[in-house]
Amino acid sequence: MYEVYLERAAENAFKRLLTTAFHRIIPQIRILAENPRPSGCRKLTGSKNDWRIRIVDYRVLYEIDEKAKAVRIMRVRHRREVYRR
């Protein structure tokens, strides 16, 4: 079982989400605690531990720390905005 942590940016993004999107994303994040690499997840190119999952039109970017058994959610945004800095 992994610990799931939210970065401040992800926490702020949750506050701005529509209710329907919020209720779709939360169960998927809970699944990350049991399996940090669910089917459909993708490793981000050019990074060592960064992954993403797709939930309808939203993307959840996260990092897996195997030693600490932790998943750190870095971003939750709409697909057209998630990769912009």
C-alpha atoms as a PDB file:
ATOM      1  CA  MET A   1       0.000   0.000   0.000  1.00  0.00           C
ATOM      2  CA  TYR A   2       1.330   3.423  -0.983  1.00  0.00           C
ATOM      3  CA  GLU A   3       0.817   6.771   0.736  1.00  0.00           C
ATOM      4  CA  VAL A   4      -0.710   9.396  -1.559  1.00  0.00           C
ATOM      5  CA  TYR A   5       0.360  13.021  -1.113  1.00  0.00           C
ATOM      6  CA  LEU A   6      -0.939  16.129  -2.855  1.00  0.00           C
ATOM      7  CA  GLU A   7       1.402  18.921  -3.846  1.00  0.00           C
ATOM      8  CA  ARG A   8       0.067  22.423  -3.242  1.00  0.00           C
ATOM      9  CA  ALA A   9      -0.522  22.973  -6.980  1.00  0.00           C
ATOM     10  CA  ALA A  10      -2.662  19.833  -7.153  1.00  0.00           C
ATOM     11  CA  GLU A  11      -4.544  20.843  -4.033  1.00  0.00           C
ATOM     12  CA  ASN A  12      -5.354  24.234  -5.535  1.00  0.00           C
ATOM     13  CA  ALA A  13      -6.431  22.580  -8.786  1.00  0.00           C
ATOM     14  CA  PHE A  14      -8.932  20.430  -6.894  1.00  0.00           C
ATOM     15  CA  LYS A  15     -10.547  23.561  -5.509  1.00  0.00           C
ATOM     16  CA  ARG A  16     -11.144  24.850  -9.054  1.00  0.00           C
ATOM     17  CA  LEU A  17     -12.516  21.612 -10.536  1.00  0.00           C
ATOM     18  CA  LEU A  18     -16.122  21.148 -11.473  1.00  0.00           C
ATOM     19  CA  THR A  19     -18.027  18.848  -9.134  1.00  0.00           C
ATOM     20  CA  THR A  20     -18.521  16.166 -11.785  1.00  0.00           C
ATOM     21  CA  ALA A  21     -14.808  16.066 -12.611  1.00  0.00           C
ATOM     22  CA  PHE A  22     -13.903  16.046  -8.916  1.00  0.00           C
ATOM     23  CA  HIS A  23     -16.087  12.990  -8.272  1.00  0.00           C
ATOM     24  CA  ARG A  24     -14.492  11.147 -11.200  1.00  0.00           C
ATOM     25  CA  ILE A  25     -10.893  11.941 -10.267  1.00  0.00           C
ATOM     26  CA  ILE A  26     -10.947  11.142  -6.526  1.00  0.00           C
ATOM     27  CA  PRO A  27     -11.707   7.390  -6.934  1.00  0.00           C
ATOM     28  CA  GLN A  28      -8.900   7.082  -9.479  1.00  0.00           C
ATOM     29  CA  ILE A  29      -6.449   8.714  -7.073  1.00  0.00           C
ATOM     30  CA  ARG A  30      -7.508   6.273  -4.355  1.00  0.00           C
ATOM     31  CA  ILE A  31      -6.662   3.421  -6.724  1.00  0.00           C
ATOM     32  CA  LEU A  32      -3.114   4.801  -6.966  1.00  0.00           C
ATOM     33  CA  ALA A  33      -2.643   3.942  -3.282  1.00  0.00           C
ATOM     34  CA  GLU A  34      -3.140   0.263  -4.101  1.00  0.00           C
ATOM     35  CA  ASN A  35      -1.545   0.190  -7.546  1.00  0.00           C
ATOM     36  CA  PRO A  36       0.550   3.202  -8.618  1.00  0.00           C
ATOM     37  CA  ARG A  37       0.734   1.884 -12.181  1.00  0.00           C
ATOM     38  CA  PRO A  38      -2.865   1.069 -13.145  1.00  0.00           C
ATOM     39  CA  SER A  39      -3.756   0.058 -16.666  1.00  0.00           C
ATOM     40  CA  GLY A  40      -3.712   3.033 -18.982  1.00  0.00           C
ATOM     41  CA  CYS A  41      -1.037   4.942 -17.083  1.00  0.00           C
ATOM     42  CA  ARG A  42       1.930   6.269 -19.027  1.00  0.00           C
ATOM     43  CA  LYS A  43       5.455   7.149 -18.043  1.00  0.00           C
ATOM     44  CA  LEU A  44       6.379  10.704 -18.977  1.00  0.00           C
ATOM     45  CA  THR A  45       9.202  11.014 -21.470  1.00  0.00           C
ATOM     46  CA  GLY A  46      12.435  12.423 -20.130  1.00  0.00           C
ATOM     47  CA  SER A  47      11.741  11.737 -16.468  1.00  0.00           C
ATOM     48  CA  LYS A  48      12.711   8.951 -14.158  1.00  0.00           C
ATOM     49  CA  ASN A  49       9.695   8.575 -11.863  1.00  0.00           C
ATOM     50  CA  ASP A  50       6.935  10.722 -13.386  1.00  0.00           C
ATOM     51  CA  TRP A  51       3.711   9.137 -14.616  1.00  0.00           C
ATOM     52  CA  ARG A  52       0.297  10.250 -15.783  1.00  0.00           C
ATOM     53  CA  ILE A  53      -3.193   8.836 -15.810  1.00  0.00           C
ATOM     54  CA  ARG A  54      -6.022  10.008 -18.001  1.00  0.00           C
ATOM     55  CA  ILE A  55      -9.475  10.573 -16.545  1.00  0.00           C
ATOM     56  CA  VAL A  56     -11.887  11.719 -19.243  1.00  0.00           C
ATOM     57  CA  ASP A  57     -10.520  15.159 -20.314  1.00  0.00           C
ATOM     58  CA  TYR A  58      -8.252  15.547 -17.286  1.00  0.00           C
ATOM     59  CA  ARG A  59      -4.720  14.388 -16.599  1.00  0.00           C
ATOM     60  CA  VAL A  60      -3.189  13.555 -13.235  1.00  0.00           C
ATOM     61  CA  LEU A  61       0.600  13.852 -13.179  1.00  0.00           C
ATOM     62  CA  TYR A  62       2.311  12.061 -10.336  1.00  0.00           C
ATOM     63  CA  GLU A  63       5.638  10.749  -9.123  1.00  0.00           C
ATOM     64  CA  ILE A  64       6.267   7.322  -7.612  1.00  0.00           C
ATOM     65  CA  ASP A  65       8.813   6.903  -4.818  1.00  0.00           C
ATOM     66  CA  GLU A  66       9.433   3.168  -4.458  1.00  0.00           C
ATOM     67  CA  LYS A  67      11.682   3.434  -1.396  1.00  0.00           C
ATOM     68  CA  ALA A  68       9.206   5.464   0.647  1.00  0.00           C
ATOM     69  CA  LYS A  69       6.172   3.699  -0.885  1.00  0.00           C
ATOM     70  CA  ALA A  70       4.692   7.077  -1.753  1.00  0.00           C
ATOM     71  CA  VAL A  71       2.806   8.589  -4.669  1.00  0.00           C
ATOM     72  CA  ARG A  72       3.001  12.369  -4.948  1.00  0.00           C
ATOM     73  CA  ILE A  73       0.295  14.024  -7.068  1.00  0.00           C
ATOM     74  CA  MET A  74       1.910  17.025  -8.752  1.00  0.00           C
ATOM     75  CA  ARG A  75      -0.778  18.319 -11.136  1.00  0.00           C
ATOM     76  CA  VAL A  76      -4.434  17.818 -11.943  1.00  0.00           C
ATOM     77  CA  ARG A  77      -5.564  19.786 -14.969  1.00  0.00           C
ATOM     78  CA  HIS A  78      -7.508  19.686 -18.175  1.00  0.00           C
ATOM     79  CA  ARG A  79      -5.605  17.913 -20.944  1.00  0.00           C
ATOM     80  CA  ARG A  80      -4.982  21.059 -22.974  1.00  0.00           C
ATOM     81  CA  GLU A  81      -3.354  22.834 -19.993  1.00  0.00           C
ATOM     82  CA  VAL A  82      -1.529  20.134 -18.050  1.00  0.00           C
ATOM     83  CA  TYR A  83       1.832  20.194 -19.810  1.00  0.00           C
ATOM     84  CA  ARG A  84       2.178  23.990 -19.873  1.00  0.00           C
ATOM     85  CA  ARG A  85       4.427  25.535 -17.241  1.00  0.00           C
END
